[in-house]
Amino acid sequence: MSYRILPTKDFEKDFKKLNSESQLRIKKKIEEVAENPERYKHLHYEFKSSCRIRIGKLRVIFSYDSKKQELYLEKIVLGHKY
């Protein structure tokens, strides 16, 4: 069962800045993540409740609620180690 995808305003702002090829790659990967978000890398420190996926040099930071079956897309980071 797929999670419902809910982007934040920060994510939407970052997403609009990307070219169409990168946007398409991110959309495909997010659909894949929505099937099973528990398997992706969990972050530490101030991002303790978040996870990340890597798409080329981009990192998509997200969190999820397994009880509500919701996936929250938080931010897109370029070239930073998360």
PDB file of N, CA and C in Angstrom:
ATOM      1  N   MET A   1       0.837  -1.185   0.000  1.00  0.00           N
ATOM      2  CA  MET A   1       0.000   0.000   0.000  1.00  0.00           C
ATOM      3  C   MET A   1       0.880   1.246   0.000  1.00  0.00           C
ATOM      4  N   SER A   2       0.581   2.163  -0.835  1.00  0.00           N
ATOM      5  CA  SER A   2       1.381   3.355  -1.020  1.00  0.00           C
ATOM      6  C   SER A   2       1.016   4.455  -0.011  1.00  0.00           C
ATOM      7  N   TYR A   3       2.016   5.186   0.414  1.00  0.00           N
ATOM      8  CA  TYR A   3       1.806   6.315   1.312  1.00  0.00           C
ATOM      9  C   TYR A   3       1.298   7.510   0.517  1.00  0.00           C
ATOM     10  N   ARG A   4       0.534   8.369   1.157  1.00  0.00           N
ATOM     11  CA  ARG A   4       0.072   9.606   0.530  1.00  0.00           C
ATOM     12  C   ARG A   4       1.221  10.615   0.612  1.00  0.00           C
ATOM     13  N   ILE A   5       1.538  11.280  -0.484  1.00  0.00           N
ATOM     14  CA  ILE A   5       2.682  12.193  -0.578  1.00  0.00           C
ATOM     15  C   ILE A   5       2.214  13.621  -0.305  1.00  0.00           C
ATOM     16  N   LEU A   6       2.856  14.260   0.692  1.00  0.00           N
ATOM     17  CA  LEU A   6       2.503  15.623   1.079  1.00  0.00           C
ATOM     18  C   LEU A   6       3.760  16.499   1.082  1.00  0.00           C
ATOM     19  N   PRO A   7       3.981  17.319   0.054  1.00  0.00           N
ATOM     20  CA  PRO A   7       5.160  18.195   0.030  1.00  0.00           C
ATOM     21  C   PRO A   7       4.957  19.451   0.889  1.00  0.00           C
ATOM     22  N   THR A   8       6.052  19.940   1.490  1.00  0.00           N
ATOM     23  CA  THR A   8       6.010  21.188   2.237  1.00  0.00           C
ATOM     24  C   THR A   8       6.255  22.357   1.284  1.00  0.00           C
ATOM     25  N   LYS A   9       6.062  23.569   1.770  1.00  0.00           N
ATOM     26  CA  LYS A   9       6.296  24.757   0.933  1.00  0.00           C
ATOM     27  C   LYS A   9       7.768  24.883   0.566  1.00  0.00           C
ATOM     28  N   ASP A  10       8.679  24.550   1.496  1.00  0.00           N
ATOM     29  CA  ASP A  10      10.113  24.587   1.193  1.00  0.00           C
ATOM     30  C   ASP A  10      10.458  23.623   0.065  1.00  0.00           C
ATOM     31  N   PHE A  11       9.882  22.436   0.111  1.00  0.00           N
ATOM     32  CA  PHE A  11      10.138  21.450  -0.938  1.00  0.00           C
ATOM     33  C   PHE A  11       9.636  21.949  -2.281  1.00  0.00           C
ATOM     34  N   GLU A  12       8.416  22.465  -2.310  1.00  0.00           N
ATOM     35  CA  GLU A  12       7.847  22.959  -3.564  1.00  0.00           C
ATOM     36  C   GLU A  12       8.677  24.089  -4.156  1.00  0.00           C
ATOM     37  N   LYS A  13       9.180  24.988  -3.297  1.00  0.00           N
ATOM     38  CA  LYS A  13      10.012  26.101  -3.755  1.00  0.00           C
ATOM     39  C   LYS A  13      11.318  25.582  -4.366  1.00  0.00           C
ATOM     40  N   ASP A  14      11.957  24.622  -3.684  1.00  0.00           N
ATOM     41  CA  ASP A  14      13.192  24.025  -4.194  1.00  0.00           C
ATOM     42  C   ASP A  14      12.943  23.249  -5.486  1.00  0.00           C
ATOM     43  N   PHE A  15      11.816  22.545  -5.558  1.00  0.00           N
ATOM     44  CA  PHE A  15      11.479  21.713  -6.718  1.00  0.00           C
ATOM     45  C   PHE A  15      11.282  22.560  -7.972  1.00  0.00           C
ATOM     46  N   LYS A  16      10.653  23.723  -7.830  1.00  0.00           N
ATOM     47  CA  LYS A  16      10.398  24.599  -8.982  1.00  0.00           C
ATOM     48  C   LYS A  16      11.683  25.170  -9.570  1.00  0.00           C
ATOM     49  N   LYS A  17      12.744  25.259  -8.777  1.00  0.00           N
ATOM     50  CA  LYS A  17      14.021  25.806  -9.244  1.00  0.00           C
ATOM     51  C   LYS A  17      14.787  24.823 -10.130  1.00  0.00           C
ATOM     52  N   LEU A  18      14.442  23.551 -10.078  1.00  0.00           N
ATOM     53  CA  LEU A  18      15.167  22.521 -10.820  1.00  0.00           C
ATOM     54  C   LEU A  18      14.722  22.451 -12.279  1.00  0.00           C
ATOM     55  N   ASN A  19      15.596  21.912 -13.126  1.00  0.00           N
ATOM     56  CA  ASN A  19      15.214  21.720 -14.530  1.00  0.00           C
ATOM     57  C   ASN A  19      14.256  20.532 -14.649  1.00  0.00           C
ATOM     58  N   SER A  20      13.615  20.399 -15.794  1.00  0.00           N
ATOM     59  CA  SER A  20      12.568  19.394 -15.969  1.00  0.00           C
ATOM     60  C   SER A  20      13.101  17.961 -15.854  1.00  0.00           C
ATOM     61  N   GLU A  21      14.335  17.727 -16.281  1.00  0.00           N
ATOM     62  CA  GLU A  21      14.916  16.388 -16.183  1.00  0.00           C
ATOM     63  C   GLU A  21      15.084  15.969 -14.725  1.00  0.00           C
ATOM     64  N   SER A  22      15.595  16.881 -13.905  1.00  0.00           N
ATOM     65  CA  SER A  22      15.762  16.592 -12.480  1.00  0.00           C
ATOM     66  C   SER A  22      14.413  16.408 -11.795  1.00  0.00           C
ATOM     67  N   GLN A  23      13.437  17.210 -12.170  1.00  0.00           N
ATOM     68  CA  GLN A  23      12.107  17.084 -11.586  1.00  0.00           C
ATOM     69  C   GLN A  23      11.510  15.709 -11.890  1.00  0.00           C
ATOM     70  N   LEU A  24      11.685  15.233 -13.096  1.00  0.00           N
ATOM     71  CA  LEU A  24      11.164  13.927 -13.484  1.00  0.00           C
ATOM     72  C   LEU A  24      11.847  12.809 -12.689  1.00  0.00           C
ATOM     73  N   ARG A  25      13.162  12.906 -12.539  1.00  0.00           N
ATOM     74  CA  ARG A  25      13.902  11.899 -11.771  1.00  0.00           C
ATOM     75  C   ARG A  25      13.434  11.868 -10.321  1.00  0.00           C
ATOM     76  N   ILE A  26      13.193  13.042  -9.743  1.00  0.00           N
ATOM     77  CA  ILE A  26      12.737  13.118  -8.358  1.00  0.00           C
ATOM     78  C   ILE A  26      11.337  12.532  -8.225  1.00  0.00           C
ATOM     79  N   LYS A  27      10.449  12.845  -9.156  1.00  0.00           N
ATOM     80  CA  LYS A  27       9.084  12.302  -9.108  1.00  0.00           C
ATOM     81  C   LYS A  27       9.093  10.774  -9.126  1.00  0.00           C
ATOM     82  N   LYS A  28       9.900  10.184 -10.018  1.00  0.00           N
ATOM     83  CA  LYS A  28       9.972   8.728 -10.113  1.00  0.00           C
ATOM     84  C   LYS A  28      10.474   8.120  -8.810  1.00  0.00           C
ATOM     85  N   LYS A  29      11.514   8.724  -8.245  1.00  0.00           N
ATOM     86  CA  LYS A  29      12.100   8.191  -7.018  1.00  0.00           C
ATOM     87  C   LYS A  29      11.136   8.334  -5.845  1.00  0.00           C
ATOM     88  N   ILE A  30      10.410   9.433  -5.768  1.00  0.00           N
ATOM     89  CA  ILE A  30       9.457   9.646  -4.677  1.00  0.00           C
ATOM     90  C   ILE A  30       8.324   8.627  -4.738  1.00  0.00           C
ATOM     91  N   GLU A  31       7.875   8.293  -5.931  1.00  0.00           N
ATOM     92  CA  GLU A  31       6.846   7.259  -6.077  1.00  0.00           C
ATOM     93  C   GLU A  31       7.358   5.912  -5.576  1.00  0.00           C
ATOM     94  N   GLU A  32       8.632   5.646  -5.820  1.00  0.00           N
ATOM     95  CA  GLU A  32       9.263   4.426  -5.333  1.00  0.00           C
ATOM     96  C   GLU A  32       9.347   4.441  -3.795  1.00  0.00           C
ATOM     97  N   VAL A  33       9.703   5.584  -3.239  1.00  0.00           N
ATOM     98  CA  VAL A  33       9.823   5.739  -1.787  1.00  0.00           C
ATOM     99  C   VAL A  33       8.461   5.579  -1.113  1.00  0.00           C
ATOM    100  N   ALA A  34       7.405   6.059  -1.742  1.00  0.00           N
ATOM    101  CA  ALA A  34       6.067   6.010  -1.157  1.00  0.00           C
ATOM    102  C   ALA A  34       5.588   4.571  -0.930  1.00  0.00           C
ATOM    103  N   GLU A  35       6.171   3.614  -1.612  1.00  0.00           N
ATOM    104  CA  GLU A  35       5.801   2.214  -1.412  1.00  0.00           C
ATOM    105  C   GLU A  35       6.342   1.667  -0.089  1.00  0.00           C
ATOM    106  N   ASN A  36       7.570   2.077   0.308  1.00  0.00           N
ATOM    107  CA  ASN A  36       8.184   1.566   1.535  1.00  0.00           C
ATOM    108  C   ASN A  36       9.226   2.560   2.061  1.00  0.00           C
ATOM    109  N   PRO A  37       8.824   3.640   2.729  1.00  0.00           N
ATOM    110  CA  PRO A  37       9.783   4.649   3.180  1.00  0.00           C
ATOM    111  C   PRO A  37      10.656   4.202   4.351  1.00  0.00           C
ATOM    112  N   GLU A  38      10.305   3.130   5.038  1.00  0.00           N
ATOM    113  CA  GLU A  38      11.080   2.679   6.195  1.00  0.00           C
ATOM    114  C   GLU A  38      12.473   2.186   5.821  1.00  0.00           C
ATOM    115  N   ARG A  39      12.681   1.810   4.593  1.00  0.00           N
ATOM    116  CA  ARG A  39      13.957   1.201   4.200  1.00  0.00           C
ATOM    117  C   ARG A  39      15.064   2.209   3.866  1.00  0.00           C
ATOM    118  N   TYR A  40      14.763   3.497   3.858  1.00  0.00           N
ATOM    119  CA  TYR A  40      15.755   4.504   3.471  1.00  0.00           C
ATOM    120  C   TYR A  40      16.511   5.046   4.672  1.00  0.00           C
ATOM    121  N   LYS A  41      17.657   5.660   4.404  1.00  0.00           N
ATOM    122  CA  LYS A  41      18.581   6.103   5.444  1.00  0.00           C
ATOM    123  C   LYS A  41      17.959   7.144   6.375  1.00  0.00           C
ATOM    124  N   HIS A  42      18.029   6.862   7.668  1.00  0.00           N
ATOM    125  CA  HIS A  42      17.560   7.796   8.692  1.00  0.00           C
ATOM    126  C   HIS A  42      18.698   8.737   9.059  1.00  0.00           C
ATOM    127  N   LEU A  43      18.366   9.986   9.315  1.00  0.00           N
ATOM    128  CA  LEU A  43      19.366  11.000   9.633  1.00  0.00           C
ATOM    129  C   LEU A  43      19.526  11.152  11.145  1.00  0.00           C
ATOM    130  N   HIS A  44      20.530  11.942  11.549  1.00  0.00           N
ATOM    131  CA  HIS A  44      20.854  12.129  12.963  1.00  0.00           C
ATOM    132  C   HIS A  44      20.757  13.598  13.346  1.00  0.00           C
ATOM    133  N   TYR A  45      20.984  13.859  14.629  1.00  0.00           N
ATOM    134  CA  TYR A  45      21.046  15.199  15.203  1.00  0.00           C
ATOM    135  C   TYR A  45      19.757  15.986  14.978  1.00  0.00           C
ATOM    136  N   GLU A  46      19.815  17.168  14.369  1.00  0.00           N
ATOM    137  CA  GLU A  46      18.601  17.983  14.261  1.00  0.00           C
ATOM    138  C   GLU A  46      17.584  17.414  13.270  1.00  0.00           C
ATOM    139  N   PHE A  47      17.996  16.464  12.427  1.00  0.00           N
ATOM    140  CA  PHE A  47      17.093  15.829  11.466  1.00  0.00           C
ATOM    141  C   PHE A  47      16.732  14.417  11.918  1.00  0.00           C
ATOM    142  N   LYS A  48      16.721  14.176  13.207  1.00  0.00           N
ATOM    143  CA  LYS A  48      16.572  12.832  13.753  1.00  0.00           C
ATOM    144  C   LYS A  48      15.327  12.088  13.258  1.00  0.00           C
ATOM    145  N   SER A  49      14.240  12.776  13.056  1.00  0.00           N
ATOM    146  CA  SER A  49      13.005  12.101  12.626  1.00  0.00           C
ATOM    147  C   SER A  49      12.876  12.025  11.103  1.00  0.00           C
ATOM    148  N   SER A  50      13.904  12.440  10.385  1.00  0.00           N
ATOM    149  CA  SER A  50      13.844  12.484   8.923  1.00  0.00           C
ATOM    150  C   SER A  50      14.714  11.408   8.282  1.00  0.00           C
ATOM    151  N   CYS A  51      14.473  11.201   6.992  1.00  0.00           N
ATOM    152  CA  CYS A  51      15.253  10.278   6.177  1.00  0.00           C
ATOM    153  C   CYS A  51      15.706  11.027   4.930  1.00  0.00           C
ATOM    154  N   ARG A  52      16.568  10.386   4.144  1.00  0.00           N
ATOM    155  CA  ARG A  52      16.999  11.029   2.910  1.00  0.00           C
ATOM    156  C   ARG A  52      17.142  10.007   1.805  1.00  0.00           C
ATOM    157  N   ILE A  53      16.971  10.509   0.571  1.00  0.00           N
ATOM    158  CA  ILE A  53      17.287   9.714  -0.616  1.00  0.00           C
ATOM    159  C   ILE A  53      18.235  10.545  -1.467  1.00  0.00           C
ATOM    160  N   ARG A  54      19.090   9.859  -2.187  1.00  0.00           N
ATOM    161  CA  ARG A  54      20.060  10.526  -3.036  1.00  0.00           C
ATOM    162  C   ARG A  54      19.654  10.311  -4.482  1.00  0.00           C
ATOM    163  N   ILE A  55      19.632  11.409  -5.233  1.00  0.00           N
ATOM    164  CA  ILE A  55      19.325  11.363  -6.661  1.00  0.00           C
ATOM    165  C   ILE A  55      20.405  12.193  -7.343  1.00  0.00           C
ATOM    166  N   GLY A  56      21.461  11.526  -7.794  1.00  0.00           N
ATOM    167  CA  GLY A  56      22.608  12.245  -8.346  1.00  0.00           C
ATOM    168  C   GLY A  56      23.266  13.055  -7.247  1.00  0.00           C
ATOM    169  N   LYS A  57      23.419  14.363  -7.458  1.00  0.00           N
ATOM    170  CA  LYS A  57      24.002  15.235  -6.444  1.00  0.00           C
ATOM    171  C   LYS A  57      22.943  15.821  -5.508  1.00  0.00           C
ATOM    172  N   LEU A  58      21.688  15.539  -5.787  1.00  0.00           N
ATOM    173  CA  LEU A  58      20.601  16.066  -4.962  1.00  0.00           C
ATOM    174  C   LEU A  58      20.264  15.108  -3.831  1.00  0.00           C
ATOM    175  N   ARG A  59      19.832  15.668  -2.697  1.00  0.00           N
ATOM    176  CA  ARG A  59      19.317  14.891  -1.577  1.00  0.00           C
ATOM    177  C   ARG A  59      17.901  15.374  -1.303  1.00  0.00           C
ATOM    178  N   VAL A  60      16.972  14.459  -1.175  1.00  0.00           N
ATOM    179  CA  VAL A  60      15.602  14.794  -0.810  1.00  0.00           C
ATOM    180  C   VAL A  60      15.416  14.351   0.638  1.00  0.00           C
ATOM    181  N   ILE A  61      15.110  15.312   1.508  1.00  0.00           N
ATOM    182  CA  ILE A  61      14.886  15.042   2.919  1.00  0.00           C
ATOM    183  C   ILE A  61      13.382  14.840   3.108  1.00  0.00           C
ATOM    184  N   PHE A  62      13.009  13.742   3.764  1.00  0.00           N
ATOM    185  CA  PHE A  62      11.592  13.457   3.974  1.00  0.00           C
ATOM    186  C   PHE A  62      11.384  12.791   5.329  1.00  0.00           C
ATOM    187  N   SER A  63      10.162  12.802   5.781  1.00  0.00           N
ATOM    188  CA  SER A  63       9.762  12.055   6.969  1.00  0.00           C
ATOM    189  C   SER A  63       8.448  11.358   6.646  1.00  0.00           C
ATOM    190  N   TYR A  64       8.025  10.463   7.521  1.00  0.00           N
ATOM    191  CA  TYR A  64       6.799   9.722   7.257  1.00  0.00           C
ATOM    192  C   TYR A  64       6.099   9.373   8.560  1.00  0.00           C
ATOM    193  N   ASP A  65       4.816   9.135   8.444  1.00  0.00           N
ATOM    194  CA  ASP A  65       3.993   8.694   9.565  1.00  0.00           C
ATOM    195  C   ASP A  65       3.340   7.386   9.145  1.00  0.00           C
ATOM    196  N   SER A  66       3.793   6.281   9.730  1.00  0.00           N
ATOM    197  CA  SER A  66       3.295   4.975   9.308  1.00  0.00           C
ATOM    198  C   SER A  66       1.855   4.730   9.750  1.00  0.00           C
ATOM    199  N   LYS A  67       1.408   5.381  10.817  1.00  0.00           N
ATOM    200  CA  LYS A  67       0.022   5.200  11.263  1.00  0.00           C
ATOM    201  C   LYS A  67      -0.965   5.879  10.310  1.00  0.00           C
ATOM    202  N   LYS A  68      -0.616   7.084   9.855  1.00  0.00           N
ATOM    203  CA  LYS A  68      -1.476   7.833   8.940  1.00  0.00           C
ATOM    204  C   LYS A  68      -1.214   7.479   7.474  1.00  0.00           C
ATOM    205  N   GLN A  69      -0.125   6.731   7.213  1.00  0.00           N
ATOM    206  CA  GLN A  69       0.286   6.381   5.852  1.00  0.00           C
ATOM    207  C   GLN A  69       0.551   7.640   5.025  1.00  0.00           C
ATOM    208  N   GLU A  70       1.327   8.576   5.612  1.00  0.00           N
ATOM    209  CA  GLU A  70       1.653   9.838   4.935  1.00  0.00           C
ATOM    210  C   GLU A  70       3.162  10.013   4.837  1.00  0.00           C
ATOM    211  N   LEU A  71       3.606  10.520   3.699  1.00  0.00           N
ATOM    212  CA  LEU A  71       5.004  10.800   3.419  1.00  0.00           C
ATOM    213  C   LEU A  71       5.144  12.308   3.261  1.00  0.00           C
ATOM    214  N   TYR A  72       5.974  12.944   4.109  1.00  0.00           N
ATOM    215  CA  TYR A  72       6.140  14.396   4.095  1.00  0.00           C
ATOM    216  C   TYR A  72       7.471  14.746   3.427  1.00  0.00           C
ATOM    217  N   LEU A  73       7.426  15.417   2.296  1.00  0.00           N
ATOM    218  CA  LEU A  73       8.633  15.845   1.584  1.00  0.00           C
ATOM    219  C   LEU A  73       9.042  17.193   2.152  1.00  0.00           C
ATOM    220  N   GLU A  74      10.231  17.262   2.756  1.00  0.00           N
ATOM    221  CA  GLU A  74      10.631  18.451   3.493  1.00  0.00           C
ATOM    222  C   GLU A  74      11.513  19.420   2.715  1.00  0.00           C
ATOM    223  N   LYS A  75      12.560  18.913   2.059  1.00  0.00           N
ATOM    224  CA  LYS A  75      13.525  19.825   1.462  1.00  0.00           C
ATOM    225  C   LYS A  75      14.355  19.104   0.410  1.00  0.00           C
ATOM    226  N   ILE A  76      14.896  19.865  -0.545  1.00  0.00           N
ATOM    227  CA  ILE A  76      15.860  19.366  -1.525  1.00  0.00           C
ATOM    228  C   ILE A  76      17.171  20.083  -1.263  1.00  0.00           C
ATOM    229  N   VAL A  77      18.251  19.309  -1.099  1.00  0.00           N
ATOM    230  CA  VAL A  77      19.572  19.868  -0.807  1.00  0.00           C
ATOM    231  C   VAL A  77      20.499  19.488  -1.944  1.00  0.00           C
ATOM    232  N   LEU A  78      21.302  20.420  -2.406  1.00  0.00           N
ATOM    233  CA  LEU A  78      22.240  20.160  -3.501  1.00  0.00           C
ATOM    234  C   LEU A  78      23.662  20.023  -2.970  1.00  0.00           C
ATOM    235  N   GLY A  79      24.271  18.884  -3.215  1.00  0.00           N
ATOM    236  CA  GLY A  79      25.685  18.672  -2.955  1.00  0.00           C
ATOM    237  C   GLY A  79      26.125  18.781  -1.514  1.00  0.00           C
ATOM    238  N   HIS A  80      25.309  18.441  -0.579  1.00  0.00           N
ATOM    239  CA  HIS A  80      25.692  18.473   0.822  1.00  0.00           C
ATOM    240  C   HIS A  80      25.624  17.051   1.367  1.00  0.00           C
ATOM    241  N   LYS A  81      26.466  16.740   2.316  1.00  0.00           N
ATOM    242  CA  LYS A  81      26.444  15.389   2.875  1.00  0.00           C
ATOM    243  C   LYS A  81      25.381  15.278   3.944  1.00  0.00           C
ATOM    244  N   TYR A  82      24.322  14.576   3.639  1.00  0.00           N
ATOM    245  CA  TYR A  82      23.272  14.242   4.589  1.00  0.00           C
ATOM    246  C   TYR A  82      23.140  12.758   4.636  1.00  0.00           C
TER     247      TYR A  82
END
